[in-house]
Amino acid sequence: MESSDSEELDQEKRDLADKLTSYLNDHSDEIPEQILHGGGLFKVRISWWTGIIGRLWLALDFIRDPLVKAECEKFLNKYAGTDYWNDCTNRTTREDIEYANRVVTDVIKDLS
């Protein structure tokens, strides 16, 4: 039974790493001039942020490196709160995207 549980956890880690890799690589770092309403795979979109935030919360249970875990928690404390997203003056910046890319990359490496 333990082997099956371990295999399921390993698969869950692989699935998380794969999904985070997709979010990292399949979405553009470009910041369009206009606010987007509709399609497009851009990291400025709330759906991208929601996706990585959800996956990073799940990944916390699997992260082995305490420094990666601490940085992930710091990231989530900043971006997962409703205060950040409810402030209409907050627009995604190049620094936000670079920070997210760095955290996601570190988490993927830790999960792999």
PDB file of N, CA and C in Angstrom:
ATOM      1  N   MET A   1       0.818  -1.196   0.000  1.00  0.00           N
ATOM      2  CA  MET A   1       0.000   0.000   0.000  1.00  0.00           C
ATOM      3  C   MET A   1       0.861   1.259   0.000  1.00  0.00           C
ATOM      4  N   GLU A   2       1.958   1.246   0.763  1.00  0.00           N
ATOM      5  CA  GLU A   2       2.819   2.418   0.841  1.00  0.00           C
ATOM      6  C   GLU A   2       3.433   2.744  -0.512  1.00  0.00           C
ATOM      7  N   SER A   3       3.809   1.738  -1.268  1.00  0.00           N
ATOM      8  CA  SER A   3       4.397   1.951  -2.586  1.00  0.00           C
ATOM      9  C   SER A   3       3.417   2.686  -3.494  1.00  0.00           C
ATOM     10  N   SER A   4       2.163   2.294  -3.444  1.00  0.00           N
ATOM     11  CA  SER A   4       1.129   2.940  -4.242  1.00  0.00           C
ATOM     12  C   SER A   4       0.953   4.407  -3.827  1.00  0.00           C
ATOM     13  N   ASP A   5       0.936   4.660  -2.509  1.00  0.00           N
ATOM     14  CA  ASP A   5       0.818   6.033  -2.012  1.00  0.00           C
ATOM     15  C   ASP A   5       2.008   6.864  -2.464  1.00  0.00           C
ATOM     16  N   SER A   6       3.191   6.292  -2.383  1.00  0.00           N
ATOM     17  CA  SER A   6       4.412   6.991  -2.796  1.00  0.00           C
ATOM     18  C   SER A   6       4.378   7.294  -4.294  1.00  0.00           C
ATOM     19  N   GLU A   7       3.922   6.337  -5.079  1.00  0.00           N
ATOM     20  CA  GLU A   7       3.815   6.538  -6.525  1.00  0.00           C
ATOM     21  C   GLU A   7       2.809   7.638  -6.845  1.00  0.00           C
ATOM     22  N   GLU A   8       1.697   7.679  -6.102  1.00  0.00           N
ATOM     23  CA  GLU A   8       0.697   8.717  -6.316  1.00  0.00           C
ATOM     24  C   GLU A   8       1.258  10.101  -5.981  1.00  0.00           C
ATOM     25  N   LEU A   9       2.023  10.197  -4.887  1.00  0.00           N
ATOM     26  CA  LEU A   9       2.638  11.469  -4.517  1.00  0.00           C
ATOM     27  C   LEU A   9       3.669  11.897  -5.549  1.00  0.00           C
ATOM     28  N   ASP A  10       4.462  10.948  -6.043  1.00  0.00           N
ATOM     29  CA  ASP A  10       5.440  11.256  -7.083  1.00  0.00           C
ATOM     30  C   ASP A  10       4.736  11.753  -8.344  1.00  0.00           C
ATOM     31  N   GLN A  11       3.637  11.121  -8.693  1.00  0.00           N
ATOM     32  CA  GLN A  11       2.879  11.543  -9.874  1.00  0.00           C
ATOM     33  C   GLN A  11       2.295  12.941  -9.659  1.00  0.00           C
ATOM     34  N   GLU A  12       1.800  13.214  -8.466  1.00  0.00           N
ATOM     35  CA  GLU A  12       1.250  14.527  -8.165  1.00  0.00           C
ATOM     36  C   GLU A  12       2.338  15.601  -8.290  1.00  0.00           C
ATOM     37  N   LYS A  13       3.540  15.307  -7.787  1.00  0.00           N
ATOM     38  CA  LYS A  13       4.667  16.236  -7.918  1.00  0.00           C
ATOM     39  C   LYS A  13       5.008  16.472  -9.392  1.00  0.00           C
ATOM     40  N   ARG A  14       5.058  15.399 -10.185  1.00  0.00           N
ATOM     41  CA  ARG A  14       5.349  15.541 -11.617  1.00  0.00           C
ATOM     42  C   ARG A  14       4.279  16.373 -12.310  1.00  0.00           C
ATOM     43  N   ASP A  15       3.019  16.126 -11.970  1.00  0.00           N
ATOM     44  CA  ASP A  15       1.921  16.887 -12.572  1.00  0.00           C
ATOM     45  C   ASP A  15       2.018  18.369 -12.224  1.00  0.00           C
ATOM     46  N   LEU A  16       2.350  18.666 -10.950  1.00  0.00           N
ATOM     47  CA  LEU A  16       2.522  20.061 -10.543  1.00  0.00           C
ATOM     48  C   LEU A  16       3.674  20.703 -11.302  1.00  0.00           C
ATOM     49  N   ALA A  17       4.796  20.015 -11.377  1.00  0.00           N
ATOM     50  CA  ALA A  17       5.960  20.543 -12.102  1.00  0.00           C
ATOM     51  C   ALA A  17       5.625  20.765 -13.576  1.00  0.00           C
ATOM     52  N   ASP A  18       4.904  19.827 -14.185  1.00  0.00           N
ATOM     53  CA  ASP A  18       4.525  19.963 -15.595  1.00  0.00           C
ATOM     54  C   ASP A  18       3.605  21.157 -15.810  1.00  0.00           C
ATOM     55  N   LYS A  19       2.635  21.324 -14.938  1.00  0.00           N
ATOM     56  CA  LYS A  19       1.693  22.441 -15.088  1.00  0.00           C
ATOM     57  C   LYS A  19       2.407  23.776 -14.867  1.00  0.00           C
ATOM     58  N   LEU A  20       3.268  23.841 -13.861  1.00  0.00           N
ATOM     59  CA  LEU A  20       4.029  25.073 -13.629  1.00  0.00           C
ATOM     60  C   LEU A  20       4.952  25.368 -14.814  1.00  0.00           C
ATOM     61  N   THR A  21       5.553  24.330 -15.396  1.00  0.00           N
ATOM     62  CA  THR A  21       6.398  24.515 -16.576  1.00  0.00           C
ATOM     63  C   THR A  21       5.587  25.076 -17.730  1.00  0.00           C
ATOM     64  N   SER A  22       4.380  24.579 -17.900  1.00  0.00           N
ATOM     65  CA  SER A  22       3.501  25.083 -18.947  1.00  0.00           C
ATOM     66  C   SER A  22       3.171  26.559 -18.710  1.00  0.00           C
ATOM     67  N   TYR A  23       2.825  26.911 -17.479  1.00  0.00           N
ATOM     68  CA  TYR A  23       2.541  28.322 -17.167  1.00  0.00           C
ATOM     69  C   TYR A  23       3.777  29.181 -17.427  1.00  0.00           C
ATOM     70  N   LEU A  24       4.937  28.676 -17.120  1.00  0.00           N
ATOM     71  CA  LEU A  24       6.180  29.431 -17.285  1.00  0.00           C
ATOM     72  C   LEU A  24       6.516  29.640 -18.761  1.00  0.00           C
ATOM     73  N   ASN A  25       6.392  28.582 -19.558  1.00  0.00           N
ATOM     74  CA  ASN A  25       6.867  28.616 -20.943  1.00  0.00           C
ATOM     75  C   ASN A  25       5.823  28.985 -21.991  1.00  0.00           C
ATOM     76  N   ASP A  26       4.554  28.722 -21.710  1.00  0.00           N
ATOM     77  CA  ASP A  26       3.518  28.911 -22.725  1.00  0.00           C
ATOM     78  C   ASP A  26       2.861  30.283 -22.685  1.00  0.00           C
ATOM     79  N   HIS A  27       3.243  31.119 -21.725  1.00  0.00           N
ATOM     80  CA  HIS A  27       2.660  32.450 -21.589  1.00  0.00           C
ATOM     81  C   HIS A  27       3.745  33.502 -21.795  1.00  0.00           C
ATOM     82  N   SER A  28       3.369  34.576 -22.435  1.00  0.00           N
ATOM     83  CA  SER A  28       4.320  35.623 -22.788  1.00  0.00           C
ATOM     84  C   SER A  28       4.627  36.538 -21.603  1.00  0.00           C
ATOM     85  N   ASP A  29       5.906  36.935 -21.501  1.00  0.00           N
ATOM     86  CA  ASP A  29       6.326  37.929 -20.509  1.00  0.00           C
ATOM     87  C   ASP A  29       5.981  39.350 -20.954  1.00  0.00           C
ATOM     88  N   GLU A  30       5.552  39.489 -22.197  1.00  0.00           N
ATOM     89  CA  GLU A  30       5.243  40.814 -22.744  1.00  0.00           C
ATOM     90  C   GLU A  30       4.150  41.503 -21.925  1.00  0.00           C
ATOM     91  N   ILE A  31       4.304  42.804 -21.764  1.00  0.00           N
ATOM     92  CA  ILE A  31       3.285  43.604 -21.087  1.00  0.00           C
ATOM     93  C   ILE A  31       2.651  44.502 -22.142  1.00  0.00           C
ATOM     94  N   PRO A  32       1.440  44.144 -22.598  1.00  0.00           N
ATOM     95  CA  PRO A  32       0.784  44.938 -23.633  1.00  0.00           C
ATOM     96  C   PRO A  32       0.472  46.361 -23.141  1.00  0.00           C
ATOM     97  N   GLU A  33       0.427  47.287 -24.082  1.00  0.00           N
ATOM     98  CA  GLU A  33       0.115  48.684 -23.756  1.00  0.00           C
ATOM     99  C   GLU A  33      -1.274  48.805 -23.125  1.00  0.00           C
ATOM    100  N   GLN A  34      -2.235  48.100 -23.697  1.00  0.00           N
ATOM    101  CA  GLN A  34      -3.624  48.186 -23.254  1.00  0.00           C
ATOM    102  C   GLN A  34      -3.934  47.075 -22.252  1.00  0.00           C
ATOM    103  N   ILE A  35      -4.874  47.341 -21.361  1.00  0.00           N
ATOM    104  CA  ILE A  35      -5.376  46.290 -20.470  1.00  0.00           C
ATOM    105  C   ILE A  35      -6.095  45.262 -21.331  1.00  0.00           C
ATOM    106  N   LEU A  36      -5.810  43.994 -21.067  1.00  0.00           N
ATOM    107  CA  LEU A  36      -6.381  42.918 -21.871  1.00  0.00           C
ATOM    108  C   LEU A  36      -7.786  42.564 -21.411  1.00  0.00           C
ATOM    109  N   HIS A  37      -8.662  42.416 -22.373  1.00  0.00           N
ATOM    110  CA  HIS A  37     -10.025  41.928 -22.129  1.00  0.00           C
ATOM    111  C   HIS A  37     -10.267  40.832 -23.160  1.00  0.00           C
ATOM    112  N   GLY A  38     -10.071  39.592 -22.764  1.00  0.00           N
ATOM    113  CA  GLY A  38     -10.256  38.511 -23.710  1.00  0.00           C
ATOM    114  C   GLY A  38      -9.057  37.600 -23.766  1.00  0.00           C
ATOM    115  N   GLY A  39      -8.855  36.988 -24.906  1.00  0.00           N
ATOM    116  CA  GLY A  39      -7.850  35.946 -25.074  1.00  0.00           C
ATOM    117  C   GLY A  39      -6.414  36.424 -25.039  1.00  0.00           C
ATOM    118  N   GLY A  40      -5.543  35.454 -25.111  1.00  0.00           N
ATOM    119  CA  GLY A  40      -4.117  35.725 -25.129  1.00  0.00           C
ATOM    120  C   GLY A  40      -3.423  35.095 -23.942  1.00  0.00           C
ATOM    121  N   LEU A  41      -2.276  34.513 -24.208  1.00  0.00           N
ATOM    122  CA  LEU A  41      -1.510  33.855 -23.153  1.00  0.00           C
ATOM    123  C   LEU A  41      -0.401  34.799 -22.666  1.00  0.00           C
ATOM    124  N   PHE A  42      -0.785  35.679 -21.768  1.00  0.00           N
ATOM    125  CA  PHE A  42       0.134  36.656 -21.202  1.00  0.00           C
ATOM    126  C   PHE A  42       0.203  36.492 -19.691  1.00  0.00           C
ATOM    127  N   LYS A  43       1.396  36.721 -19.146  1.00  0.00           N
ATOM    128  CA  LYS A  43       1.579  36.607 -17.698  1.00  0.00           C
ATOM    129  C   LYS A  43       0.973  37.778 -16.935  1.00  0.00           C
ATOM    130  N   VAL A  44       0.517  38.785 -17.632  1.00  0.00           N
ATOM    131  CA  VAL A  44      -0.149  39.900 -16.952  1.00  0.00           C
ATOM    132  C   VAL A  44      -1.600  39.568 -16.613  1.00  0.00           C
ATOM    133  N   ARG A  45      -2.130  38.529 -17.179  1.00  0.00           N
ATOM    134  CA  ARG A  45      -3.552  38.183 -16.984  1.00  0.00           C
ATOM    135  C   ARG A  45      -3.786  37.569 -15.604  1.00  0.00           C
ATOM    136  N   ILE A  46      -4.900  37.901 -15.009  1.00  0.00           N
ATOM    137  CA  ILE A  46      -5.252  37.384 -13.676  1.00  0.00           C
ATOM    138  C   ILE A  46      -5.342  35.864 -13.697  1.00  0.00           C
ATOM    139  N   SER A  47      -5.752  35.282 -14.812  1.00  0.00           N
ATOM    140  CA  SER A  47      -5.866  33.813 -14.887  1.00  0.00           C
ATOM    141  C   SER A  47      -4.491  33.159 -14.753  1.00  0.00           C
ATOM    142  N   TRP A  48      -3.438  33.790 -15.276  1.00  0.00           N
ATOM    143  CA  TRP A  48      -2.094  33.245 -15.118  1.00  0.00           C
ATOM    144  C   TRP A  48      -1.687  33.280 -13.653  1.00  0.00           C
ATOM    145  N   TRP A  49      -1.928  34.420 -13.012  1.00  0.00           N
ATOM    146  CA  TRP A  49      -1.565  34.562 -11.597  1.00  0.00           C
ATOM    147  C   TRP A  49      -2.349  33.585 -10.725  1.00  0.00           C
ATOM    148  N   THR A  50      -3.631  33.458 -10.997  1.00  0.00           N
ATOM    149  CA  THR A  50      -4.459  32.514 -10.243  1.00  0.00           C
ATOM    150  C   THR A  50      -3.943  31.090 -10.411  1.00  0.00           C
ATOM    151  N   GLY A  51      -3.561  30.732 -11.629  1.00  0.00           N
ATOM    152  CA  GLY A  51      -3.057  29.389 -11.902  1.00  0.00           C
ATOM    153  C   GLY A  51      -1.760  29.093 -11.172  1.00  0.00           C
ATOM    154  N   ILE A  52      -0.803  30.029 -11.233  1.00  0.00           N
ATOM    155  CA  ILE A  52       0.470  29.726 -10.558  1.00  0.00           C
ATOM    156  C   ILE A  52       0.324  29.781  -9.045  1.00  0.00           C
ATOM    157  N   ILE A  53      -0.505  30.698  -8.551  1.00  0.00           N
ATOM    158  CA  ILE A  53      -0.703  30.787  -7.098  1.00  0.00           C
ATOM    159  C   ILE A  53      -1.313  29.487  -6.570  1.00  0.00           C
ATOM    160  N   GLY A  54      -2.317  28.974  -7.254  1.00  0.00           N
ATOM    161  CA  GLY A  54      -2.943  27.715  -6.833  1.00  0.00           C
ATOM    162  C   GLY A  54      -1.964  26.556  -6.846  1.00  0.00           C
ATOM    163  N   ARG A  55      -1.159  26.471  -7.922  1.00  0.00           N
ATOM    164  CA  ARG A  55      -0.187  25.378  -8.014  1.00  0.00           C
ATOM    165  C   ARG A  55       0.921  25.525  -6.978  1.00  0.00           C
ATOM    166  N   LEU A  56       1.352  26.765  -6.694  1.00  0.00           N
ATOM    167  CA  LEU A  56       2.391  26.970  -5.682  1.00  0.00           C
ATOM    168  C   LEU A  56       1.890  26.599  -4.287  1.00  0.00           C
ATOM    169  N   TRP A  57       0.618  26.891  -3.989  1.00  0.00           N
ATOM    170  CA  TRP A  57       0.048  26.465  -2.696  1.00  0.00           C
ATOM    171  C   TRP A  57       0.130  24.948  -2.579  1.00  0.00           C
ATOM    172  N   LEU A  58      -0.241  24.252  -3.649  1.00  0.00           N
ATOM    173  CA  LEU A  58      -0.191  22.787  -3.635  1.00  0.00           C
ATOM    174  C   LEU A  58       1.246  22.283  -3.522  1.00  0.00           C
ATOM    175  N   ALA A  59       2.164  22.973  -4.175  1.00  0.00           N
ATOM    176  CA  ALA A  59       3.567  22.547  -4.184  1.00  0.00           C
ATOM    177  C   ALA A  59       4.219  22.677  -2.808  1.00  0.00           C
ATOM    178  N   LEU A  60       3.713  23.547  -1.959  1.00  0.00           N
ATOM    179  CA  LEU A  60       4.324  23.741  -0.636  1.00  0.00           C
ATOM    180  C   LEU A  60       4.485  22.430   0.126  1.00  0.00           C
ATOM    181  N   ASP A  61       3.549  21.513  -0.054  1.00  0.00           N
ATOM    182  CA  ASP A  61       3.614  20.224   0.637  1.00  0.00           C
ATOM    183  C   ASP A  61       4.758  19.340   0.144  1.00  0.00           C
ATOM    184  N   PHE A  62       5.313  19.652  -1.037  1.00  0.00           N
ATOM    185  CA  PHE A  62       6.330  18.797  -1.649  1.00  0.00           C
ATOM    186  C   PHE A  62       7.721  19.417  -1.683  1.00  0.00           C
ATOM    187  N   ILE A  63       7.823  20.718  -1.468  1.00  0.00           N
ATOM    188  CA  ILE A  63       9.117  21.399  -1.588  1.00  0.00           C
ATOM    189  C   ILE A  63      10.049  20.922  -0.475  1.00  0.00           C
ATOM    190  N   ARG A  64      11.259  20.494  -0.874  1.00  0.00           N
ATOM    191  CA  ARG A  64      12.231  19.957   0.086  1.00  0.00           C
ATOM    192  C   ARG A  64      13.212  21.016   0.589  1.00  0.00           C
ATOM    193  N   ASP A  65      13.622  21.906  -0.279  1.00  0.00           N
ATOM    194  CA  ASP A  65      14.628  22.912   0.067  1.00  0.00           C
ATOM    195  C   ASP A  65      13.974  24.021   0.907  1.00  0.00           C
ATOM    196  N   PRO A  66      14.437  24.224   2.138  1.00  0.00           N
ATOM    197  CA  PRO A  66      13.812  25.238   3.006  1.00  0.00           C
ATOM    198  C   PRO A  66      13.915  26.658   2.447  1.00  0.00           C
ATOM    199  N   LEU A  67      14.959  26.959   1.689  1.00  0.00           N
ATOM    200  CA  LEU A  67      15.074  28.302   1.098  1.00  0.00           C
ATOM    201  C   LEU A  67      14.047  28.511  -0.017  1.00  0.00           C
ATOM    202  N   VAL A  68      13.838  27.488  -0.825  1.00  0.00           N
ATOM    203  CA  VAL A  68      12.827  27.557  -1.889  1.00  0.00           C
ATOM    204  C   VAL A  68      11.440  27.670  -1.264  1.00  0.00           C
ATOM    205  N   LYS A  69      11.199  26.894  -0.214  1.00  0.00           N
ATOM    206  CA  LYS A  69       9.899  26.939   0.461  1.00  0.00           C
ATOM    207  C   LYS A  69       9.652  28.320   1.070  1.00  0.00           C
ATOM    208  N   ALA A  70      10.666  28.903   1.698  1.00  0.00           N
ATOM    209  CA  ALA A  70      10.520  30.227   2.304  1.00  0.00           C
ATOM    210  C   ALA A  70      10.238  31.287   1.236  1.00  0.00           C
ATOM    211  N   GLU A  71      10.933  31.207   0.111  1.00  0.00           N
ATOM    212  CA  GLU A  71      10.709  32.180  -0.968  1.00  0.00           C
ATOM    213  C   GLU A  71       9.321  32.009  -1.573  1.00  0.00           C
ATOM    214  N   CYS A  72       8.880  30.765  -1.716  1.00  0.00           N
ATOM    215  CA  CYS A  72       7.536  30.486  -2.228  1.00  0.00           C
ATOM    216  C   CYS A  72       6.481  31.054  -1.276  1.00  0.00           C
ATOM    217  N   GLU A  73       6.663  30.853   0.017  1.00  0.00           N
ATOM    218  CA  GLU A  73       5.720  31.390   1.008  1.00  0.00           C
ATOM    219  C   GLU A  73       5.700  32.915   0.983  1.00  0.00           C
ATOM    220  N   LYS A  74       6.871  33.534   0.840  1.00  0.00           N
ATOM    221  CA  LYS A  74       6.966  34.996   0.743  1.00  0.00           C
ATOM    222  C   LYS A  74       6.191  35.486  -0.484  1.00  0.00           C
ATOM    223  N   PHE A  75       6.389  34.815  -1.606  1.00  0.00           N
ATOM    224  CA  PHE A  75       5.685  35.153  -2.842  1.00  0.00           C
ATOM    225  C   PHE A  75       4.174  35.044  -2.646  1.00  0.00           C
ATOM    226  N   LEU A  76       3.741  33.926  -2.065  1.00  0.00           N
ATOM    227  CA  LEU A  76       2.301  33.722  -1.846  1.00  0.00           C
ATOM    228  C   LEU A  76       1.729  34.749  -0.879  1.00  0.00           C
ATOM    229  N   ASN A  77       2.478  35.114   0.143  1.00  0.00           N
ATOM    230  CA  ASN A  77       2.002  36.138   1.084  1.00  0.00           C
ATOM    231  C   ASN A  77       1.784  37.469   0.388  1.00  0.00           C
ATOM    232  N   LYS A  78       2.612  37.759  -0.601  1.00  0.00           N
ATOM    233  CA  LYS A  78       2.458  39.030  -1.326  1.00  0.00           C
ATOM    234  C   LYS A  78       1.314  38.976  -2.338  1.00  0.00           C
ATOM    235  N   TYR A  79       1.265  37.920  -3.131  1.00  0.00           N
ATOM    236  CA  TYR A  79       0.363  37.902  -4.284  1.00  0.00           C
ATOM    237  C   TYR A  79      -0.935  37.129  -4.092  1.00  0.00           C
ATOM    238  N   ALA A  80      -1.019  36.277  -3.089  1.00  0.00           N
ATOM    239  CA  ALA A  80      -2.232  35.457  -2.945  1.00  0.00           C
ATOM    240  C   ALA A  80      -3.329  36.177  -2.173  1.00  0.00           C
ATOM    241  N   GLY A  81      -2.997  37.249  -1.497  1.00  0.00           N
ATOM    242  CA  GLY A  81      -3.992  37.961  -0.706  1.00  0.00           C
ATOM    243  C   GLY A  81      -4.934  38.793  -1.560  1.00  0.00           C
ATOM    244  N   THR A  82      -6.143  38.918  -1.106  1.00  0.00           N
ATOM    245  CA  THR A  82      -7.127  39.701  -1.861  1.00  0.00           C
ATOM    246  C   THR A  82      -6.800  41.190  -1.836  1.00  0.00           C
ATOM    247  N   ASP A  83      -6.059  41.651  -0.835  1.00  0.00           N
ATOM    248  CA  ASP A  83      -5.710  43.068  -0.781  1.00  0.00           C
ATOM    249  C   ASP A  83      -4.935  43.486  -2.021  1.00  0.00           C
ATOM    250  N   TYR A  84      -3.999  42.656  -2.440  1.00  0.00           N
ATOM    251  CA  TYR A  84      -3.196  42.985  -3.619  1.00  0.00           C
ATOM    252  C   TYR A  84      -4.077  43.111  -4.861  1.00  0.00           C
ATOM    253  N   TRP A  85      -4.957  42.160  -5.086  1.00  0.00           N
ATOM    254  CA  TRP A  85      -5.753  42.130  -6.317  1.00  0.00           C
ATOM    255  C   TRP A  85      -6.938  43.076  -6.268  1.00  0.00           C
ATOM    256  N   ASN A  86      -7.405  43.437  -5.072  1.00  0.00           N
ATOM    257  CA  ASN A  86      -8.530  44.372  -4.969  1.00  0.00           C
ATOM    258  C   ASN A  86      -8.113  45.818  -5.176  1.00  0.00           C
ATOM    259  N   ASP A  87      -6.826  46.098  -5.113  1.00  0.00           N
ATOM    260  CA  ASP A  87      -6.318  47.449  -5.342  1.00  0.00           C
ATOM    261  C   ASP A  87      -6.197  47.659  -6.851  1.00  0.00           C
ATOM    262  N   CYS A  88      -7.107  48.423  -7.402  1.00  0.00           N
ATOM    263  CA  CYS A  88      -7.165  48.612  -8.859  1.00  0.00           C
ATOM    264  C   CYS A  88      -5.952  49.347  -9.413  1.00  0.00           C
ATOM    265  N   THR A  89      -5.144  49.938  -8.551  1.00  0.00           N
ATOM    266  CA  THR A  89      -3.946  50.623  -9.039  1.00  0.00           C
ATOM    267  C   THR A  89      -2.798  49.649  -9.275  1.00  0.00           C
ATOM    268  N   ASN A  90      -2.924  48.418  -8.806  1.00  0.00           N
ATOM    269  CA  ASN A  90      -1.872  47.414  -9.009  1.00  0.00           C
ATOM    270  C   ASN A  90      -1.989  46.840 -10.412  1.00  0.00           C
ATOM    271  N   ARG A  91      -1.007  47.161 -11.243  1.00  0.00           N
ATOM    272  CA  ARG A  91      -0.908  46.537 -12.553  1.00  0.00           C
ATOM    273  C   ARG A  91       0.372  45.719 -12.557  1.00  0.00           C
ATOM    274  N   THR A  92       0.355  44.611 -13.242  1.00  0.00           N
ATOM    275  CA  THR A  92       1.515  43.737 -13.282  1.00  0.00           C
ATOM    276  C   THR A  92       2.701  44.465 -13.900  1.00  0.00           C
ATOM    277  N   THR A  93       3.825  44.402 -13.209  1.00  0.00           N
ATOM    278  CA  THR A  93       5.046  45.047 -13.682  1.00  0.00           C
ATOM    279  C   THR A  93       6.035  44.001 -14.183  1.00  0.00           C
ATOM    280  N   ARG A  94       7.059  44.468 -14.863  1.00  0.00           N
ATOM    281  CA  ARG A  94       8.136  43.586 -15.308  1.00  0.00           C
ATOM    282  C   ARG A  94       8.753  42.893 -14.096  1.00  0.00           C
ATOM    283  N   GLU A  95       8.908  43.620 -12.979  1.00  0.00           N
ATOM    284  CA  GLU A  95       9.486  43.046 -11.762  1.00  0.00           C
ATOM    285  C   GLU A  95       8.599  41.942 -11.191  1.00  0.00           C
ATOM    286  N   ASP A  96       7.274  42.144 -11.237  1.00  0.00           N
ATOM    287  CA  ASP A  96       6.348  41.099 -10.776  1.00  0.00           C
ATOM    288  C   ASP A  96       6.545  39.818 -11.583  1.00  0.00           C
ATOM    289  N   ILE A  97       6.618  39.963 -12.891  1.00  0.00           N
ATOM    290  CA  ILE A  97       6.772  38.799 -13.771  1.00  0.00           C
ATOM    291  C   ILE A  97       8.117  38.122 -13.543  1.00  0.00           C
ATOM    292  N   GLU A  98       9.179  38.907 -13.415  1.00  0.00           N
ATOM    293  CA  GLU A  98      10.506  38.324 -13.178  1.00  0.00           C
ATOM    294  C   GLU A  98      10.551  37.582 -11.844  1.00  0.00           C
ATOM    295  N   TYR A  99       9.934  38.159 -10.827  1.00  0.00           N
ATOM    296  CA  TYR A  99       9.877  37.510  -9.514  1.00  0.00           C
ATOM    297  C   TYR A  99       9.100  36.200  -9.605  1.00  0.00           C
ATOM    298  N   ALA A 100       7.940  36.244 -10.250  1.00  0.00           N
ATOM    299  CA  ALA A 100       7.124  35.032 -10.410  1.00  0.00           C
ATOM    300  C   ALA A 100       7.894  33.970 -11.191  1.00  0.00           C
ATOM    301  N   ASN A 101       8.546  34.374 -12.286  1.00  0.00           N
ATOM    302  CA  ASN A 101       9.321  33.418 -13.083  1.00  0.00           C
ATOM    303  C   ASN A 101      10.406  32.757 -12.241  1.00  0.00           C
ATOM    304  N   ARG A 102      11.088  33.545 -11.426  1.00  0.00           N
ATOM    305  CA  ARG A 102      12.177  33.013 -10.592  1.00  0.00           C
ATOM    306  C   ARG A 102      11.640  32.013  -9.566  1.00  0.00           C
ATOM    307  N   VAL A 103      10.541  32.370  -8.888  1.00  0.00           N
ATOM    308  CA  VAL A 103       9.970  31.477  -7.880  1.00  0.00           C
ATOM    309  C   VAL A 103       9.457  30.193  -8.529  1.00  0.00           C
ATOM    310  N   VAL A 104       8.732  30.326  -9.627  1.00  0.00           N
ATOM    311  CA  VAL A 104       8.198  29.146 -10.315  1.00  0.00           C
ATOM    312  C   VAL A 104       9.340  28.246 -10.791  1.00  0.00           C
ATOM    313  N   THR A 105      10.385  28.821 -11.358  1.00  0.00           N
ATOM    314  CA  THR A 105      11.534  28.049 -11.818  1.00  0.00           C
ATOM    315  C   THR A 105      12.180  27.290 -10.657  1.00  0.00           C
ATOM    316  N   ASP A 106      12.374  27.967  -9.532  1.00  0.00           N
ATOM    317  CA  ASP A 106      12.980  27.316  -8.370  1.00  0.00           C
ATOM    318  C   ASP A 106      12.110  26.175  -7.847  1.00  0.00           C
ATOM    319  N   VAL A 107      10.804  26.375  -7.840  1.00  0.00           N
ATOM    320  CA  VAL A 107       9.893  25.326  -7.368  1.00  0.00           C
ATOM    321  C   VAL A 107       9.921  24.131  -8.316  1.00  0.00           C
ATOM    322  N   ILE A 108       9.910  24.399  -9.623  1.00  0.00           N
ATOM    323  CA  ILE A 108       9.980  23.297 -10.600  1.00  0.00           C
ATOM    324  C   ILE A 108      11.249  22.486 -10.382  1.00  0.00           C
ATOM    325  N   LYS A 109      12.387  23.159 -10.212  1.00  0.00           N
ATOM    326  CA  LYS A 109      13.653  22.441  -9.975  1.00  0.00           C
ATOM    327  C   LYS A 109      13.571  21.596  -8.711  1.00  0.00           C
ATOM    328  N   ASP A 110      12.957  22.148  -7.670  1.00  0.00           N
ATOM    329  CA  ASP A 110      12.857  21.407  -6.408  1.00  0.00           C
ATOM    330  C   ASP A 110      11.944  20.180  -6.548  1.00  0.00           C
ATOM    331  N   LEU A 111      10.892  20.305  -7.317  1.00  0.00           N
ATOM    332  CA  LEU A 111       9.944  19.199  -7.491  1.00  0.00           C
ATOM    333  C   LEU A 111      10.506  18.100  -8.392  1.00  0.00           C
ATOM    334  N   SER A 112      11.450  18.451  -9.232  1.00  0.00           N
ATOM    335  CA  SER A 112      11.977  17.499 -10.233  1.00  0.00           C
ATOM    336  C   SER A 112      13.038  16.598  -9.651  1.00  0.00           C
TER     337      SER A 112
END
